[in-house]
C-alpha atoms as a PDB file:
ATOM      1  CA  MET A   1    -133.086  65.677  53.439  1.00  0.00           C
ATOM      2  CA  ASP A   2    -134.620  64.112  56.401  1.00  0.00           C
ATOM      3  CA  CYS A   3    -131.471  63.650  58.840  1.00  0.00           C
ATOM      4  CA  ARG A   4    -133.576  62.234  61.743  1.00  0.00           C
ATOM      5  CA  PRO A   5    -132.286  58.768  62.969  1.00  0.00           C
ATOM      6  CA  PHE A   6    -133.898  55.604  62.140  1.00  0.00           C
ATOM      7  CA  PHE A   7    -135.269  54.076  65.318  1.00  0.00           C
ATOM      8  CA  PHE A   8    -135.670  50.335  66.185  1.00  0.00           C
ATOM      9  CA  LYS A   9    -137.037  49.230  69.425  1.00  0.00           C
ATOM     10  CA  GLN A  10    -133.852  49.207  71.395  1.00  0.00           C
ATOM     11  CA  PHE A  11    -131.574  51.543  69.394  1.00  0.00           C
ATOM     12  CA  GLY A  12    -131.723  54.343  66.880  1.00  0.00           C
ATOM     13  CA  LEU A  13    -129.106  55.105  64.175  1.00  0.00           C
ATOM     14  CA  PHE A  14    -128.161  57.725  61.576  1.00  0.00           C
ATOM     15  CA  HIS A  15    -127.484  56.473  58.048  1.00  0.00           C
ATOM     16  CA  HIS A  16    -127.634  59.525  55.883  1.00  0.00           C
ATOM     17  CA  ARG A  17    -123.934  59.917  55.461  1.00  0.00           C
ATOM     18  CA  SER A  18    -123.121  56.242  54.881  1.00  0.00           C
ATOM     19  CA  THR A  19    -122.285  54.790  51.478  1.00  0.00           C
ATOM     20  CA  MET A  20    -125.387  52.333  52.022  1.00  0.00           C
ATOM     21  CA  LYS A  21    -128.572  53.172  53.791  1.00  0.00           C
ATOM     22  CA  ILE A  22    -130.438  50.811  56.144  1.00  0.00           C
ATOM     23  CA  GLY A  23    -131.871  48.157  54.053  1.00  0.00           C
ATOM     24  CA  THR A  24    -133.641  44.663  54.118  1.00  0.00           C
ATOM     25  CA  ASP A  25    -130.638  42.788  53.159  1.00  0.00           C
ATOM     26  CA  ALA A  26    -128.612  43.774  56.216  1.00  0.00           C
ATOM     27  CA  ILE A  27    -131.507  43.608  58.603  1.00  0.00           C
ATOM     28  CA  LEU A  28    -132.525  40.072  57.512  1.00  0.00           C
ATOM     29  CA  LEU A  29    -128.943  38.894  57.693  1.00  0.00           C
ATOM     30  CA  ALA A  30    -128.307  40.159  61.213  1.00  0.00           C
ATOM     31  CA  ARG A  31    -131.750  38.726  62.463  1.00  0.00           C
ATOM     32  CA  TRP A  32    -131.030  35.278  60.850  1.00  0.00           C
ATOM     33  CA  VAL A  33    -127.373  34.654  61.730  1.00  0.00           C
ATOM     34  CA  ASP A  34    -126.604  32.417  64.697  1.00  0.00           C
ATOM     35  CA  VAL A  35    -124.828  34.193  67.542  1.00  0.00           C
ATOM     36  CA  PHE A  36    -123.797  33.269  71.031  1.00  0.00           C
ATOM     37  CA  GLY A  37    -123.048  35.078  74.202  1.00  0.00           C
ATOM     38  CA  ASN A  38    -119.281  34.850  74.038  1.00  0.00           C
ATOM     39  CA  ASP A  39    -119.017  35.759  70.319  1.00  0.00           C
ATOM     40  CA  GLU A  40    -116.401  38.279  69.311  1.00  0.00           C
ATOM     41  CA  VAL A  41    -117.606  39.550  65.953  1.00  0.00           C
ATOM     42  CA  LEU A  42    -116.346  41.268  63.028  1.00  0.00           C
ATOM     43  CA  ASP A  43    -118.478  43.111  60.459  1.00  0.00           C
ATOM     44  CA  VAL A  44    -116.825  43.779  57.085  1.00  0.00           C
ATOM     45  CA  GLY A  45    -118.212  46.935  55.440  1.00  0.00           C
ATOM     46  CA  THR A  46    -120.203  48.053  58.371  1.00  0.00           C
ATOM     47  CA  GLY A  47    -121.776  51.133  56.742  1.00  0.00           C
ATOM     48  CA  CYS A  48    -123.663  52.923  59.334  1.00  0.00           C
ATOM     49  CA  GLY A  49    -123.152  50.058  61.783  1.00  0.00           C
ATOM     50  CA  LEU A  50    -126.558  48.534  61.611  1.00  0.00           C
ATOM     51  CA  ILE A  51    -125.566  44.764  61.774  1.00  0.00           C
ATOM     52  CA  PRO A  52    -123.291  45.111  64.982  1.00  0.00           C
ATOM     53  CA  LEU A  53    -126.043  46.895  66.672  1.00  0.00           C
ATOM     54  CA  MET A  54    -128.607  44.237  65.784  1.00  0.00           C
ATOM     55  CA  LEU A  55    -126.162  41.550  66.926  1.00  0.00           C
ATOM     56  CA  ALA A  56    -125.602  43.478  70.246  1.00  0.00           C
ATOM     57  CA  GLN A  57    -129.284  43.359  70.898  1.00  0.00           C
ATOM     58  CA  LYS A  58    -129.092  39.580  70.419  1.00  0.00           C
ATOM     59  CA  GLY A  59    -126.347  39.347  73.039  1.00  0.00           C
ATOM     60  CA  ILE A  60    -122.746  39.068  71.589  1.00  0.00           C
ATOM     61  CA  LYS A  61    -119.697  39.812  73.653  1.00  0.00           C
ATOM     62  CA  SER A  62    -118.267  42.380  71.373  1.00  0.00           C
ATOM     63  CA  ALA A  63    -118.071  43.520  67.716  1.00  0.00           C
ATOM     64  CA  ASP A  64    -115.395  45.209  65.528  1.00  0.00           C
ATOM     65  CA  ALA A  65    -116.757  46.936  62.532  1.00  0.00           C
ATOM     66  CA  VAL A  66    -114.389  47.706  59.613  1.00  0.00           C
ATOM     67  CA  GLU A  67    -115.354  50.407  57.042  1.00  0.00           C
ATOM     68  CA  ILE A  68    -113.064  51.827  54.290  1.00  0.00           C
ATOM     69  CA  ASP A  69    -115.198  54.963  53.764  1.00  0.00           C
ATOM     70  CA  LYS A  70    -114.465  57.685  56.434  1.00  0.00           C
ATOM     71  CA  ASP A  71    -118.065  59.300  56.300  1.00  0.00           C
ATOM     72  CA  SER A  72    -119.588  55.843  57.053  1.00  0.00           C
ATOM     73  CA  PHE A  73    -117.063  55.115  59.503  1.00  0.00           C
ATOM     74  CA  GLU A  74    -117.759  58.333  61.565  1.00  0.00           C
ATOM     75  CA  GLU A  75    -121.465  57.645  61.440  1.00  0.00           C
ATOM     76  CA  ALA A  76    -120.960  54.030  62.625  1.00  0.00           C
ATOM     77  CA  ALA A  77    -118.828  55.265  65.475  1.00  0.00           C
ATOM     78  CA  GLN A  78    -121.438  57.823  66.415  1.00  0.00           C
ATOM     79  CA  ASN A  79    -124.206  55.138  66.306  1.00  0.00           C
ATOM     80  CA  PHE A  80    -122.224  52.902  68.366  1.00  0.00           C
ATOM     81  CA  ASN A  81    -121.440  55.705  71.063  1.00  0.00           C
ATOM     82  CA  ASN A  82    -125.109  56.636  71.199  1.00  0.00           C
ATOM     83  CA  SER A  83    -126.242  52.975  71.930  1.00  0.00           C
ATOM     84  CA  ALA A  84    -126.533  50.947  75.073  1.00  0.00           C
ATOM     85  CA  TRP A  85    -123.713  48.654  73.968  1.00  0.00           C
ATOM     86  CA  ASN A  86    -121.127  51.476  73.350  1.00  0.00           C
ATOM     87  CA  SER A  87    -118.381  49.781  75.495  1.00  0.00           C
ATOM     88  CA  HIS A  88    -118.637  46.689  73.202  1.00  0.00           C
ATOM     89  CA  LEU A  89    -118.880  48.139  69.733  1.00  0.00           C
ATOM     90  CA  PHE A  90    -115.697  49.574  67.876  1.00  0.00           C
ATOM     91  CA  ALA A  91    -115.653  51.154  64.561  1.00  0.00           C
ATOM     92  CA  ILE A  92    -112.508  50.966  62.539  1.00  0.00           C
ATOM     93  CA  ASN A  93    -111.542  52.934  59.428  1.00  0.00           C
ATOM     94  CA  ASP A  94    -109.674  50.557  57.270  1.00  0.00           C
ATOM     95  CA  ASP A  95    -109.646  48.360  54.312  1.00  0.00           C
ATOM     96  CA  ILE A  96    -110.324  44.842  55.143  1.00  0.00           C
ATOM     97  CA  LYS A  97    -107.209  43.521  53.222  1.00  0.00           C
ATOM     98  CA  HIS A  98    -104.923  45.898  55.121  1.00  0.00           C
ATOM     99  CA  TYR A  99    -106.778  45.051  58.460  1.00  0.00           C
ATOM    100  CA  SER A 100    -106.425  41.328  58.021  1.00  0.00           C
ATOM    101  CA  ASP A 101    -102.781  41.546  57.159  1.00  0.00           C
ATOM    102  CA  ASN A 102    -102.120  43.682  60.434  1.00  0.00           C
ATOM    103  CA  CYS A 103    -104.582  42.271  62.925  1.00  0.00           C
ATOM    104  CA  ASN A 104    -103.567  39.482  65.353  1.00  0.00           C
ATOM    105  CA  LYS A 105    -107.299  39.000  66.642  1.00  0.00           C
ATOM    106  CA  LYS A 106    -109.349  36.006  65.806  1.00  0.00           C
ATOM    107  CA  TYR A 107    -113.132  36.172  65.487  1.00  0.00           C
ATOM    108  CA  ASP A 108    -115.875  33.589  66.225  1.00  0.00           C
ATOM    109  CA  LEU A 109    -118.109  35.340  63.774  1.00  0.00           C
ATOM    110  CA  ILE A 110    -117.490  37.461  60.769  1.00  0.00           C
ATOM    111  CA  VAL A 111    -120.466  38.866  58.982  1.00  0.00           C
ATOM    112  CA  SER A 112    -120.779  41.056  55.822  1.00  0.00           C
ATOM    113  CA  ASN A 113    -123.168  42.530  53.417  1.00  0.00           C
ATOM    114  CA  PRO A 114    -120.449  42.685  50.596  1.00  0.00           C
ATOM    115  CA  PRO A 115    -120.096  44.163  47.160  1.00  0.00           C
ATOM    116  CA  PHE A 116    -122.209  42.477  44.406  1.00  0.00           C
ATOM    117  CA  PHE A 117    -122.082  44.452  41.238  1.00  0.00           C
ATOM    118  CA  PHE A 118    -120.034  42.955  38.508  1.00  0.00           C
ATOM    119  CA  GLY A 119    -118.187  44.075  35.260  1.00  0.00           C
ATOM    120  CA  ASP A 120    -119.480  47.502  33.865  1.00  0.00           C
ATOM    121  CA  ASN A 121    -122.524  47.624  36.079  1.00  0.00           C
ATOM    122  CA  ILE A 122    -121.094  50.455  38.329  1.00  0.00           C
ATOM    123  CA  PRO A 123    -123.472  52.655  40.154  1.00  0.00           C
ATOM    124  CA  ALA A 124    -123.274  56.199  39.205  1.00  0.00           C
ATOM    125  CA  ASN A 125    -122.694  57.429  42.799  1.00  0.00           C
ATOM    126  CA  ALA A 126    -118.926  56.953  43.442  1.00  0.00           C
ATOM    127  CA  LYS A 127    -119.234  56.396  46.994  1.00  0.00           C
ATOM    128  CA  LYS A 128    -121.982  53.853  46.432  1.00  0.00           C
ATOM    129  CA  GLY A 129    -119.758  52.054  43.952  1.00  0.00           C
ATOM    130  CA  LEU A 130    -116.945  51.892  46.527  1.00  0.00           C
ATOM    131  CA  ALA A 131    -119.282  50.081  48.901  1.00  0.00           C
ATOM    132  CA  ARG A 132    -120.965  47.746  46.219  1.00  0.00           C
ATOM    133  CA  HIS A 133    -118.511  47.016  43.569  1.00  0.00           C
ATOM    134  CA  THR A 134    -116.250  44.016  43.398  1.00  0.00           C
ATOM    135  CA  ASN A 135    -113.530  45.858  41.649  1.00  0.00           C
ATOM    136  CA  THR A 136    -112.672  47.288  45.208  1.00  0.00           C
ATOM    137  CA  LEU A 137    -113.185  44.063  47.075  1.00  0.00           C
ATOM    138  CA  SER A 138    -113.283  40.774  44.957  1.00  0.00           C
ATOM    139  CA  TYR A 139    -114.865  37.710  46.567  1.00  0.00           C
ATOM    140  CA  ASN A 140    -111.483  36.003  46.745  1.00  0.00           C
ATOM    141  CA  ASP A 141    -110.003  39.014  48.598  1.00  0.00           C
ATOM    142  CA  LEU A 142    -112.907  38.854  50.954  1.00  0.00           C
ATOM    143  CA  LEU A 143    -112.530  35.175  51.616  1.00  0.00           C
ATOM    144  CA  LEU A 144    -108.748  35.369  52.036  1.00  0.00           C
ATOM    145  CA  SER A 145    -109.151  38.210  54.722  1.00  0.00           C
ATOM    146  CA  VAL A 146    -111.950  36.238  56.422  1.00  0.00           C
ATOM    147  CA  LYS A 147    -109.695  33.073  56.606  1.00  0.00           C
ATOM    148  CA  LYS A 148    -106.960  34.950  58.231  1.00  0.00           C
ATOM    149  CA  LEU A 149    -109.344  36.588  60.933  1.00  0.00           C
ATOM    150  CA  LEU A 150    -111.630  33.646  61.564  1.00  0.00           C
ATOM    151  CA  LYS A 151    -111.234  31.236  64.501  1.00  0.00           C
ATOM    152  CA  LEU A 152    -110.917  27.484  63.570  1.00  0.00           C
ATOM    153  CA  ASN A 153    -114.417  26.831  64.740  1.00  0.00           C
ATOM    154  CA  GLY A 154    -115.791  30.235  63.643  1.00  0.00           C
ATOM    155  CA  ARG A 155    -118.559  31.019  61.269  1.00  0.00           C
ATOM    156  CA  PHE A 156    -118.749  33.526  58.312  1.00  0.00           C
ATOM    157  CA  ALA A 157    -122.152  34.851  57.276  1.00  0.00           C
ATOM    158  CA  LEU A 158    -123.101  37.056  54.378  1.00  0.00           C
ATOM    159  CA  VAL A 159    -125.919  37.853  51.913  1.00  0.00           C
ATOM    160  CA  LEU A 160    -125.672  37.945  48.179  1.00  0.00           C
ATOM    161  CA  PRO A 161    -127.938  38.027  45.302  1.00  0.00           C
ATOM    162  CA  ALA A 162    -128.941  34.563  44.233  1.00  0.00           C
ATOM    163  CA  ARG A 163    -127.117  34.438  40.976  1.00  0.00           C
ATOM    164  CA  GLU A 164    -123.890  35.882  42.395  1.00  0.00           C
ATOM    165  CA  SER A 165    -124.028  33.423  45.365  1.00  0.00           C
ATOM    166  CA  GLN A 166    -123.217  30.391  43.079  1.00  0.00           C
ATOM    167  CA  THR A 167    -119.912  32.201  41.928  1.00  0.00           C
ATOM    168  CA  PHE A 168    -119.099  33.085  45.479  1.00  0.00           C
ATOM    169  CA  LEU A 169    -119.797  29.498  46.604  1.00  0.00           C
ATOM    170  CA  LYS A 170    -117.300  28.157  44.052  1.00  0.00           C
ATOM    171  CA  ASP A 171    -114.780  30.644  45.199  1.00  0.00           C
ATOM    172  CA  ALA A 172    -115.388  29.778  48.905  1.00  0.00           C
ATOM    173  CA  GLU A 173    -114.946  26.005  48.235  1.00  0.00           C
ATOM    174  CA  ASN A 174    -111.614  26.761  46.609  1.00  0.00           C
ATOM    175  CA  GLN A 175    -110.551  28.546  49.782  1.00  0.00           C
ATOM    176  CA  GLY A 176    -111.607  25.636  52.029  1.00  0.00           C
ATOM    177  CA  PHE A 177    -115.005  26.961  53.262  1.00  0.00           C
ATOM    178  CA  PHE A 178    -118.200  24.802  53.640  1.00  0.00           C
ATOM    179  CA  LEU A 179    -121.746  25.986  53.303  1.00  0.00           C
ATOM    180  CA  LYS A 180    -123.566  25.170  56.709  1.00  0.00           C
ATOM    181  CA  LYS A 181    -126.859  26.809  56.317  1.00  0.00           C
ATOM    182  CA  GLU A 182    -128.612  29.189  54.055  1.00  0.00           C
ATOM    183  CA  MET A 183    -131.897  31.051  53.701  1.00  0.00           C
ATOM    184  CA  LYS A 184    -133.299  31.609  50.244  1.00  0.00           C
ATOM    185  CA  ILE A 185    -135.203  34.959  50.380  1.00  0.00           C
ATOM    186  CA  VAL A 186    -138.164  35.214  47.983  1.00  0.00           C
ATOM    187  CA  PRO A 187    -139.119  39.031  47.341  1.00  0.00           C
ATOM    188  CA  ILE A 188    -142.854  38.262  46.474  1.00  0.00           C
ATOM    189  CA  ALA A 189    -144.776  34.979  46.820  1.00  0.00           C
ATOM    190  CA  GLY A 190    -144.542  32.876  43.684  1.00  0.00           C
ATOM    191  CA  LYS A 191    -141.285  34.477  42.613  1.00  0.00           C
ATOM    192  CA  GLU A 192    -137.808  32.725  42.570  1.00  0.00           C
ATOM    193  CA  PRO A 193    -135.476  33.755  45.437  1.00  0.00           C
ATOM    194  CA  ASN A 194    -133.444  36.850  44.738  1.00  0.00           C
ATOM    195  CA  ARG A 195    -131.189  36.854  47.658  1.00  0.00           C
ATOM    196  CA  ILE A 196    -129.340  34.139  49.678  1.00  0.00           C
ATOM    197  CA  ASN A 197    -128.244  34.328  53.292  1.00  0.00           C
ATOM    198  CA  MET A 198    -125.364  31.992  53.781  1.00  0.00           C
ATOM    199  CA  GLN A 199    -123.190  30.598  56.770  1.00  0.00           C
ATOM    200  CA  LEU A 200    -120.028  29.065  56.092  1.00  0.00           C
ATOM    201  CA  VAL A 201    -117.453  27.211  58.196  1.00  0.00           C
ATOM    202  CA  VAL A 202    -113.959  25.756  57.622  1.00  0.00           C
ATOM    203  CA  ASN A 203    -114.954  22.381  58.886  1.00  0.00           C
ATOM    204  CA  HIS A 204    -116.611  19.673  56.584  1.00  0.00           C
ATOM    205  CA  VAL A 205    -120.348  19.689  56.556  1.00  0.00           C
ATOM    206  CA  ASP A 206    -122.528  16.724  55.933  1.00  0.00           C
ATOM    207  CA  LYS A 207    -125.778  18.358  55.210  1.00  0.00           C
ATOM    208  CA  VAL A 208    -126.658  21.979  54.475  1.00  0.00           C
ATOM    209  CA  GLU A 209    -129.811  23.438  56.468  1.00  0.00           C
ATOM    210  CA  THR A 210    -132.001  25.279  53.965  1.00  0.00           C
ATOM    211  CA  ASP A 211    -134.898  27.423  54.661  1.00  0.00           C
ATOM    212  CA  THR A 212    -137.050  29.671  52.260  1.00  0.00           C
ATOM    213  CA  PHE A 213    -138.298  32.967  53.556  1.00  0.00           C
ATOM    214  CA  VAL A 214    -141.042  35.019  51.692  1.00  0.00           C
ATOM    215  CA  LEU A 215    -140.827  38.797  52.190  1.00  0.00           C
ATOM    216  CA  ARG A 216    -144.134  40.013  50.663  1.00  0.00           C
ATOM    217  CA  ASP A 217    -147.510  38.361  49.643  1.00  0.00           C
ATOM    218  CA  GLN A 218    -148.647  38.719  45.943  1.00  0.00           C
ATOM    219  CA  ASP A 219    -150.450  41.961  47.066  1.00  0.00           C
ATOM    220  CA  HIS A 220    -147.053  43.486  48.052  1.00  0.00           C
ATOM    221  CA  THR A 221    -147.879  43.603  51.714  1.00  0.00           C
ATOM    222  CA  PHE A 222    -145.373  42.050  54.231  1.00  0.00           C
ATOM    223  CA  THR A 223    -145.927  38.483  55.126  1.00  0.00           C
ATOM    224  CA  ARG A 224    -146.872  37.312  58.617  1.00  0.00           C
ATOM    225  CA  GLU A 225    -143.471  35.402  58.384  1.00  0.00           C
ATOM    226  CA  TYR A 226    -141.577  38.706  57.881  1.00  0.00           C
ATOM    227  CA  LYS A 227    -143.520  40.570  60.803  1.00  0.00           C
ATOM    228  CA  ASP A 228    -142.900  37.893  63.265  1.00  0.00           C
ATOM    229  CA  PHE A 229    -139.276  37.457  62.239  1.00  0.00           C
ATOM    230  CA  LEU A 230    -138.507  41.093  62.914  1.00  0.00           C
ATOM    231  CA  LYS A 231    -140.909  41.835  65.727  1.00  0.00           C
ATOM    232  CA  ASP A 232    -138.161  42.288  68.367  1.00  0.00           C
ATOM    233  CA  TYR A 233    -136.587  45.020  66.130  1.00  0.00           C
ATOM    234  CA  TYR A 234    -139.289  47.032  64.299  1.00  0.00           C
ATOM    235  CA  LEU A 235    -141.412  49.527  66.211  1.00  0.00           C
ATOM    236  CA  ASP A 236    -144.432  48.710  63.920  1.00  0.00           C
END
């Protein structure tokens, strides 16, 4: 196994022990989400800590990163400590339900690349299943935890498969959340979107901001849009 760190322009990170490796979903979410300089952020299920590191590069005040898996938590803590923002990023080995019941802090932004496998579609790898299966963390559990931890004017951002996003939005509406903006991610030009980035708030929204983002052209090369979107992060 190649255990060298993965390098971005302003940081590198290990992801070999984490339940989920560095992937396009988390990268696009972190690049897309709105952040402000005074934001105190919470990342739910941080894995190797990629999203807090990307948000730190964008200029947030601080980020707490909750991770239930011990190996992932330790790797995230290592990656934070090795970064230029080590005094602003904090890994926490806990279950988000337990954390939300015992934390008095409120956050400006909560972000997550959450579980999205349903029913019997459980990954063979048990640790990957822990990170990616809704039997461990249901959408309602996630929403209830977020509601306890989010400031009144805060934002909640996440990425889900297009099909599951509809189920999630119904649960979110029942919990008093409103969709403020979304980015529909198309894997190959001409195909239907297969991922949705969503940003929700607890205040009523009159109009949802909607964008469509195409990852690859029909020849499977990355689009110019994709390259421009991530030019501040990718080395190549």
